[in-house]
Every structure is written in structure tokens, then in C-alpha cells.
Amino acid sequence: TSKDGRPVFLAKRLSDRSTTEIRIAIEAMIVEAHERWGCELFSRVHSDREGGLGALSMDLNRVGIAYTHTQGQDPSANGLAENCVSRVAALARALLARYDDDSTEATRRALWPYAMEHAACRLTLYARDPDQYPNHKDILPFGSLVLCRIPPDATVKKTDLRAFKGLYLHPSDSVPSGHVVAPITCKQATGPLTMDQMRT
């Protein structure tokens, strides 16, 4: 929760389940919670018996963060966290429901981590301003078609377009007023881009 007692939901995608990836994700969430959402500095990280987190216990203790855990497969022992995860996952599944008919399973799998990040951000925004449910001004609907300007530092030919179409994924946690977009018509992009100039 933030300093004013409102819940904060966080999710970070992992390229793998290595200790390094988990460490980077935890560090990013700690910074986001404190800087973006006004949470107190973390004093404890709690989880089930997940190997990657357990391997980080000494690193966490070194910076004054206690690591505690419950038995895996025992949701009742960590009910609040399990409830939060369930809420984020349920919203992420709802966001991906629009792709059930015309998308492959691989497409839905690829979009799942982004849907989780979108859902976590949306739930946090709703907790802060419930009057803006379901269309919050700071976040577009997941998968919205947007038009983005090519980044100034991108290598483009004179014949290339200066803008591209993309699918809106979620607000950026690293670029102020930025958003993460999956390009549809940008030859220069090999994956999602963070954009600060776009329109629907």
C-alpha cells in the first residue's frame, strides 16, 4: 500500500526465471512503488518457496529488506498477496479475451506479460481515482490501435514513413508520460517500444 493506505499493484515481465532477472524485477518494482506510487521504502519481501527469490535472500538482507516465505501451494498462508495476484490475473485474462477468436495461442502467450503489467497499473490507478472507472485518463484500453512518431534517434530512410501503427500495451514505468507500444508497421523495431508521442 502507498502512504495514504491505497493498494498498489505491481507486475514485471521476466525473460527467464534466473536469479538475475528476478533481482532486476524486484529492484524495478521497489523503485516504481516508491517513486511513482508514493509507497514507503520496503522492509520485507514475502513469497512462497520460489527458488529464485530464495537465492536473493542474502542480497535483500544486505540492503535492510527481510525475506520471508510461506509453503508453496498454501494460498491461505499468504491470503492478501494471493488475492492481489488473482485480481491482476483476472483482469489480464479479461484484457486478452478479445484475442480468443482471431489469435493464436502463441500470440496470447506473448501478450500475457504485457497484459499483467497493464492490469496492475490499471488497478492501481482505479484505487486512486475510482470515479474514472473503467476508462482512466492516464491509460488507454489494452490493445488499442495507436499512431506513433518514429523516435528521432531511429535509423530511417527518406522513403520510410515517419510514423507507425502499433498496439497499446501499458504505461511506461521508466519514461515520464511514456507508454509501451507493440509496433505493427515499423520496420526498425524488433520488439515493443516506449513512446511519448502517439495518438489514437
C-alpha atoms as a PDB file:
ATOM      1  CA  THR A   1       0.000   0.000   0.000  1.00  0.00           C
ATOM      2  CA  SER A   2       1.018   3.607  -0.508  1.00  0.00           C
ATOM      3  CA  LYS A   3       1.485   6.132   2.312  1.00  0.00           C
ATOM      4  CA  ASP A   4      -2.207   7.044   2.136  1.00  0.00           C
ATOM      5  CA  GLY A   5      -3.245   3.395   2.534  1.00  0.00           C
ATOM      6  CA  ARG A   6      -4.382   2.768  -1.021  1.00  0.00           C
ATOM      7  CA  PRO A   7      -3.342  -0.534  -2.645  1.00  0.00           C
ATOM      8  CA  VAL A   8      -0.546  -0.640  -5.209  1.00  0.00           C
ATOM      9  CA  PHE A   9      -0.379  -3.469  -7.741  1.00  0.00           C
ATOM     10  CA  LEU A  10       2.917  -4.179  -9.498  1.00  0.00           C
ATOM     11  CA  ALA A  11       3.908  -6.666 -12.194  1.00  0.00           C
ATOM     12  CA  LYS A  12       7.111  -7.082 -14.180  1.00  0.00           C
ATOM     13  CA  ARG A  13       7.717  -9.395 -17.123  1.00  0.00           C
ATOM     14  CA  LEU A  14      10.688 -11.764 -16.992  1.00  0.00           C
ATOM     15  CA  SER A  15      12.635 -13.073 -19.964  1.00  0.00           C
ATOM     16  CA  ASP A  16      13.503 -16.115 -17.821  1.00  0.00           C
ATOM     17  CA  ARG A  17      13.330 -17.221 -14.178  1.00  0.00           C
ATOM     18  CA  SER A  18      17.018 -16.717 -13.426  1.00  0.00           C
ATOM     19  CA  THR A  19      18.165 -15.080 -10.208  1.00  0.00           C
ATOM     20  CA  THR A  20      19.480 -12.125 -12.193  1.00  0.00           C
ATOM     21  CA  GLU A  21      16.144 -11.493 -13.917  1.00  0.00           C
ATOM     22  CA  ILE A  22      14.226 -11.776 -10.646  1.00  0.00           C
ATOM     23  CA  ARG A  23      16.664  -9.405  -8.912  1.00  0.00           C
ATOM     24  CA  ILE A  24      16.238  -6.808 -11.673  1.00  0.00           C
ATOM     25  CA  ALA A  25      12.441  -7.126 -11.491  1.00  0.00           C
ATOM     26  CA  ILE A  26      12.370  -6.739  -7.696  1.00  0.00           C
ATOM     27  CA  GLU A  27      14.653  -3.711  -7.831  1.00  0.00           C
ATOM     28  CA  ALA A  28      12.473  -2.134 -10.544  1.00  0.00           C
ATOM     29  CA  MET A  29       9.299  -2.737  -8.521  1.00  0.00           C
ATOM     30  CA  ILE A  30      10.825  -1.266  -5.363  1.00  0.00           C
ATOM     31  CA  VAL A  31      11.834   1.887  -7.247  1.00  0.00           C
ATOM     32  CA  GLU A  32       8.442   2.149  -9.014  1.00  0.00           C
ATOM     33  CA  ALA A  33       6.498   1.662  -5.792  1.00  0.00           C
ATOM     34  CA  HIS A  34       8.479   4.354  -4.006  1.00  0.00           C
ATOM     35  CA  GLU A  35       8.997   6.922  -6.771  1.00  0.00           C
ATOM     36  CA  ARG A  36       5.810   6.559  -8.809  1.00  0.00           C
ATOM     37  CA  TRP A  37       3.193   5.478  -6.304  1.00  0.00           C
ATOM     38  CA  GLY A  38       4.496   7.026  -3.065  1.00  0.00           C
ATOM     39  CA  CYS A  39       4.994   3.826  -1.083  1.00  0.00           C
ATOM     40  CA  GLU A  40       7.205   3.657   1.967  1.00  0.00           C
ATOM     41  CA  LEU A  41      10.564   2.015   1.385  1.00  0.00           C
ATOM     42  CA  PHE A  42      10.173  -1.762   1.530  1.00  0.00           C
ATOM     43  CA  SER A  43      11.163  -3.523   4.726  1.00  0.00           C
ATOM     44  CA  ARG A  44      10.091  -7.042   3.720  1.00  0.00           C
ATOM     45  CA  VAL A  45       9.632  -9.195   0.623  1.00  0.00           C
ATOM     46  CA  HIS A  46       7.287 -12.140   1.122  1.00  0.00           C
ATOM     47  CA  SER A  47       6.623 -15.056  -1.219  1.00  0.00           C
ATOM     48  CA  ASP A  48       6.011 -18.777  -1.376  1.00  0.00           C
ATOM     49  CA  ARG A  49       9.045 -21.053  -1.602  1.00  0.00           C
ATOM     50  CA  GLU A  50      10.137 -19.833  -5.028  1.00  0.00           C
ATOM     51  CA  GLY A  51      13.729 -20.813  -5.762  1.00  0.00           C
ATOM     52  CA  GLY A  52      14.745 -17.595  -7.470  1.00  0.00           C
ATOM     53  CA  LEU A  53      13.599 -15.394  -4.604  1.00  0.00           C
ATOM     54  CA  GLY A  54      15.172 -17.641  -2.008  1.00  0.00           C
ATOM     55  CA  ALA A  55      18.524 -17.261  -3.739  1.00  0.00           C
ATOM     56  CA  LEU A  56      18.175 -13.488  -3.334  1.00  0.00           C
ATOM     57  CA  SER A  57      17.545 -13.529   0.408  1.00  0.00           C
ATOM     58  CA  MET A  58      21.126 -12.539   1.276  1.00  0.00           C
ATOM     59  CA  ASP A  59      21.069  -9.672  -1.259  1.00  0.00           C
ATOM     60  CA  LEU A  60      17.784  -8.413   0.194  1.00  0.00           C
ATOM     61  CA  ASN A  61      19.055  -8.672   3.776  1.00  0.00           C
ATOM     62  CA  ARG A  62      22.190  -6.745   2.810  1.00  0.00           C
ATOM     63  CA  VAL A  63      20.092  -3.677   1.949  1.00  0.00           C
ATOM     64  CA  GLY A  64      17.874  -3.972   5.004  1.00  0.00           C
ATOM     65  CA  ILE A  65      14.963  -5.886   3.439  1.00  0.00           C
ATOM     66  CA  ALA A  66      13.803  -9.023   5.237  1.00  0.00           C
ATOM     67  CA  TYR A  67      12.863 -12.034   3.127  1.00  0.00           C
ATOM     68  CA  THR A  68      10.097 -14.300   4.446  1.00  0.00           C
ATOM     69  CA  HIS A  69       8.142 -17.080   2.806  1.00  0.00           C
ATOM     70  CA  THR A  70       5.246 -19.479   3.219  1.00  0.00           C
ATOM     71  CA  GLN A  71       4.921 -23.010   1.918  1.00  0.00           C
ATOM     72  CA  GLY A  72       4.165 -23.249  -1.774  1.00  0.00           C
ATOM     73  CA  GLN A  73       0.656 -24.362  -2.718  1.00  0.00           C
ATOM     74  CA  ASP A  74      -0.694 -22.813   0.501  1.00  0.00           C
ATOM     75  CA  PRO A  75      -2.637 -19.687  -0.560  1.00  0.00           C
ATOM     76  CA  SER A  76      -4.293 -19.333   2.850  1.00  0.00           C
ATOM     77  CA  ALA A  77      -0.916 -18.601   4.442  1.00  0.00           C
ATOM     78  CA  ASN A  78      -0.481 -15.536   2.252  1.00  0.00           C
ATOM     79  CA  GLY A  79      -4.091 -14.591   1.581  1.00  0.00           C
ATOM     80  CA  LEU A  80      -3.714 -10.855   0.878  1.00  0.00           C
ATOM     81  CA  ALA A  81      -0.951 -11.312  -1.699  1.00  0.00           C
ATOM     82  CA  GLU A  82      -2.778 -14.244  -3.325  1.00  0.00           C
ATOM     83  CA  ASN A  83      -5.921 -12.115  -3.595  1.00  0.00           C
ATOM     84  CA  CYS A  84      -3.978  -9.287  -5.261  1.00  0.00           C
ATOM     85  CA  VAL A  85      -2.355 -11.672  -7.741  1.00  0.00           C
ATOM     86  CA  SER A  86      -5.766 -13.173  -8.522  1.00  0.00           C
ATOM     87  CA  ARG A  87      -7.254  -9.729  -9.208  1.00  0.00           C
ATOM     88  CA  VAL A  88      -4.425  -8.759 -11.552  1.00  0.00           C
ATOM     89  CA  ALA A  89      -4.533 -12.114 -13.365  1.00  0.00           C
ATOM     90  CA  ALA A  90      -8.326 -11.981 -13.734  1.00  0.00           C
ATOM     91  CA  LEU A  91      -8.165  -8.527 -15.306  1.00  0.00           C
ATOM     92  CA  ALA A  92      -5.282  -9.619 -17.578  1.00  0.00           C
ATOM     93  CA  ARG A  93      -7.360 -12.583 -18.796  1.00  0.00           C
ATOM     94  CA  ALA A  94     -10.271 -10.232 -19.475  1.00  0.00           C
ATOM     95  CA  LEU A  95      -7.994  -7.917 -21.457  1.00  0.00           C
ATOM     96  CA  LEU A  96      -6.839 -10.828 -23.608  1.00  0.00           C
ATOM     97  CA  ALA A  97     -10.359 -12.179 -24.143  1.00  0.00           C
ATOM     98  CA  ARG A  98     -10.706 -10.039 -27.282  1.00  0.00           C
ATOM     99  CA  TYR A  99      -7.962 -12.149 -28.890  1.00  0.00           C
ATOM    100  CA  ASP A 100      -9.669 -15.507 -28.280  1.00  0.00           C
ATOM    101  CA  ASP A 101     -11.287 -15.778 -31.701  1.00  0.00           C
ATOM    102  CA  ASP A 102      -8.709 -14.494 -34.157  1.00  0.00           C
ATOM    103  CA  SER A 103      -5.349 -15.013 -32.456  1.00  0.00           C
ATOM    104  CA  THR A 104      -3.103 -17.980 -31.937  1.00  0.00           C
ATOM    105  CA  GLU A 105      -2.164 -19.338 -28.542  1.00  0.00           C
ATOM    106  CA  ALA A 106       1.392 -18.109 -29.192  1.00  0.00           C
ATOM    107  CA  THR A 107       0.095 -14.556 -29.649  1.00  0.00           C
ATOM    108  CA  ARG A 108      -1.840 -14.665 -26.397  1.00  0.00           C
ATOM    109  CA  ARG A 109       1.180 -16.099 -24.580  1.00  0.00           C
ATOM    110  CA  ALA A 110       3.390 -13.313 -25.938  1.00  0.00           C
ATOM    111  CA  LEU A 111       0.884 -10.660 -24.829  1.00  0.00           C
ATOM    112  CA  TRP A 112       0.264 -12.149 -21.364  1.00  0.00           C
ATOM    113  CA  PRO A 113       3.172 -10.402 -19.524  1.00  0.00           C
ATOM    114  CA  TYR A 114       2.151  -7.051 -21.023  1.00  0.00           C
ATOM    115  CA  ALA A 115      -1.486  -7.663 -20.068  1.00  0.00           C
ATOM    116  CA  MET A 116      -0.348  -8.343 -16.492  1.00  0.00           C
ATOM    117  CA  GLU A 117       1.621  -5.067 -16.364  1.00  0.00           C
ATOM    118  CA  HIS A 118      -1.353  -3.214 -17.865  1.00  0.00           C
ATOM    119  CA  ALA A 119      -3.761  -4.790 -15.369  1.00  0.00           C
ATOM    120  CA  ALA A 120      -1.535  -3.969 -12.380  1.00  0.00           C
ATOM    121  CA  CYS A 121      -1.219  -0.333 -13.436  1.00  0.00           C
ATOM    122  CA  ARG A 122      -4.942  -0.011 -14.177  1.00  0.00           C
ATOM    123  CA  LEU A 123      -5.955  -1.444 -10.794  1.00  0.00           C
ATOM    124  CA  THR A 124      -3.571   0.939  -9.014  1.00  0.00           C
ATOM    125  CA  LEU A 125      -4.975   3.913 -10.943  1.00  0.00           C
ATOM    126  CA  TYR A 126      -8.556   2.861 -10.142  1.00  0.00           C
ATOM    127  CA  ALA A 127      -7.705   2.623  -6.440  1.00  0.00           C
ATOM    128  CA  ARG A 128      -6.531   6.235  -6.582  1.00  0.00           C
ATOM    129  CA  ASP A 129      -9.388   7.604  -8.646  1.00  0.00           C
ATOM    130  CA  PRO A 130     -12.384   5.217  -8.720  1.00  0.00           C
ATOM    131  CA  ASP A 131     -14.557   7.863 -10.413  1.00  0.00           C
ATOM    132  CA  GLN A 132     -12.600   7.298 -13.628  1.00  0.00           C
ATOM    133  CA  TYR A 133     -13.514   3.597 -13.825  1.00  0.00           C
ATOM    134  CA  PRO A 134     -13.403   1.968 -16.364  1.00  0.00           C
ATOM    135  CA  ASN A 135     -11.695   4.497 -18.698  1.00  0.00           C
ATOM    136  CA  HIS A 136      -8.890   6.210 -16.818  1.00  0.00           C
ATOM    137  CA  LYS A 137      -7.333   9.252 -18.479  1.00  0.00           C
ATOM    138  CA  ASP A 138      -3.768   8.022 -17.866  1.00  0.00           C
ATOM    139  CA  ILE A 139      -4.096   4.655 -19.582  1.00  0.00           C
ATOM    140  CA  LEU A 140      -5.592   3.548 -22.901  1.00  0.00           C
ATOM    141  CA  PRO A 141      -7.525   0.293 -23.330  1.00  0.00           C
ATOM    142  CA  PHE A 142      -5.191  -2.657 -23.806  1.00  0.00           C
ATOM    143  CA  GLY A 143      -4.587  -3.408 -27.484  1.00  0.00           C
ATOM    144  CA  SER A 144      -5.847  -0.028 -28.725  1.00  0.00           C
ATOM    145  CA  LEU A 145      -4.578   0.871 -32.187  1.00  0.00           C
ATOM    146  CA  VAL A 146      -2.321   3.934 -31.911  1.00  0.00           C
ATOM    147  CA  LEU A 147      -0.262   6.031 -34.314  1.00  0.00           C
ATOM    148  CA  CYS A 148       3.263   6.823 -33.099  1.00  0.00           C
ATOM    149  CA  ARG A 149       6.001   9.067 -34.399  1.00  0.00           C
ATOM    150  CA  ILE A 150       9.283   7.348 -35.281  1.00  0.00           C
ATOM    151  CA  PRO A 151      11.814   8.068 -32.498  1.00  0.00           C
ATOM    152  CA  PRO A 152      14.257  10.833 -33.556  1.00  0.00           C
ATOM    153  CA  ASP A 153      17.266   8.577 -32.999  1.00  0.00           C
ATOM    154  CA  ALA A 154      15.901   5.759 -35.170  1.00  0.00           C
ATOM    155  CA  THR A 155      17.684   4.975 -38.438  1.00  0.00           C
ATOM    156  CA  VAL A 156      15.172   5.643 -41.211  1.00  0.00           C
ATOM    157  CA  LYS A 157      15.449   6.003 -44.951  1.00  0.00           C
ATOM    158  CA  LYS A 158      13.981   9.012 -46.713  1.00  0.00           C
ATOM    159  CA  THR A 159      11.394   6.724 -48.263  1.00  0.00           C
ATOM    160  CA  ASP A 160      10.271   5.348 -44.894  1.00  0.00           C
ATOM    161  CA  LEU A 161       7.221   6.708 -43.106  1.00  0.00           C
ATOM    162  CA  ARG A 162       7.842   8.975 -40.107  1.00  0.00           C
ATOM    163  CA  ALA A 163       5.131   7.280 -38.083  1.00  0.00           C
ATOM    164  CA  PHE A 164       3.899   3.751 -37.465  1.00  0.00           C
ATOM    165  CA  LYS A 165       0.837   1.934 -36.216  1.00  0.00           C
ATOM    166  CA  GLY A 166       1.055  -0.075 -33.029  1.00  0.00           C
ATOM    167  CA  LEU A 167      -0.917  -1.833 -30.310  1.00  0.00           C
ATOM    168  CA  TYR A 168      -1.061  -0.058 -26.957  1.00  0.00           C
ATOM    169  CA  LEU A 169       0.287  -2.222 -24.125  1.00  0.00           C
ATOM    170  CA  HIS A 170       0.717  -0.200 -20.912  1.00  0.00           C
ATOM    171  CA  PRO A 171       2.179   2.992 -19.406  1.00  0.00           C
ATOM    172  CA  SER A 172       5.954   3.078 -19.114  1.00  0.00           C
ATOM    173  CA  ASP A 173       7.497   2.826 -15.660  1.00  0.00           C
ATOM    174  CA  SER A 174      10.750   4.455 -16.800  1.00  0.00           C
ATOM    175  CA  VAL A 175       9.780   7.284 -19.190  1.00  0.00           C
ATOM    176  CA  PRO A 176       7.598  10.096 -17.773  1.00  0.00           C
ATOM    177  CA  SER A 177       4.357  10.297 -19.790  1.00  0.00           C
ATOM    178  CA  GLY A 178       5.651   7.394 -21.900  1.00  0.00           C
ATOM    179  CA  HIS A 179       3.776   4.296 -22.989  1.00  0.00           C
ATOM    180  CA  VAL A 180       4.837   0.875 -24.249  1.00  0.00           C
ATOM    181  CA  VAL A 181       3.598   0.045 -27.756  1.00  0.00           C
ATOM    182  CA  ALA A 182       3.949  -3.091 -29.891  1.00  0.00           C
ATOM    183  CA  PRO A 183       4.760  -1.857 -33.424  1.00  0.00           C
ATOM    184  CA  ILE A 184       2.714  -3.212 -36.328  1.00  0.00           C
ATOM    185  CA  THR A 185       4.173  -1.255 -39.248  1.00  0.00           C
ATOM    186  CA  CYS A 186       7.636  -0.186 -38.057  1.00  0.00           C
ATOM    187  CA  LYS A 187      10.475  -1.954 -39.883  1.00  0.00           C
ATOM    188  CA  GLN A 188      13.078  -0.597 -37.477  1.00  0.00           C
ATOM    189  CA  ALA A 189      11.514  -2.190 -34.394  1.00  0.00           C
ATOM    190  CA  THR A 190      12.230  -5.734 -33.274  1.00  0.00           C
ATOM    191  CA  GLY A 191      10.006  -5.557 -30.191  1.00  0.00           C
ATOM    192  CA  PRO A 192       7.829  -3.242 -28.102  1.00  0.00           C
ATOM    193  CA  LEU A 193       8.919   0.397 -27.936  1.00  0.00           C
ATOM    194  CA  THR A 194       8.407   3.080 -25.291  1.00  0.00           C
ATOM    195  CA  MET A 195       6.811   6.126 -26.914  1.00  0.00           C
ATOM    196  CA  ASP A 196       5.892   9.579 -25.630  1.00  0.00           C
ATOM    197  CA  GLN A 197       4.307  10.868 -28.854  1.00  0.00           C
ATOM    198  CA  MET A 198       1.262   8.972 -30.042  1.00  0.00           C
ATOM    199  CA  ARG A 199      -2.440   9.336 -30.713  1.00  0.00           C
ATOM    200  CA  THR A 200      -5.384   7.036 -31.155  1.00  0.00           C
END
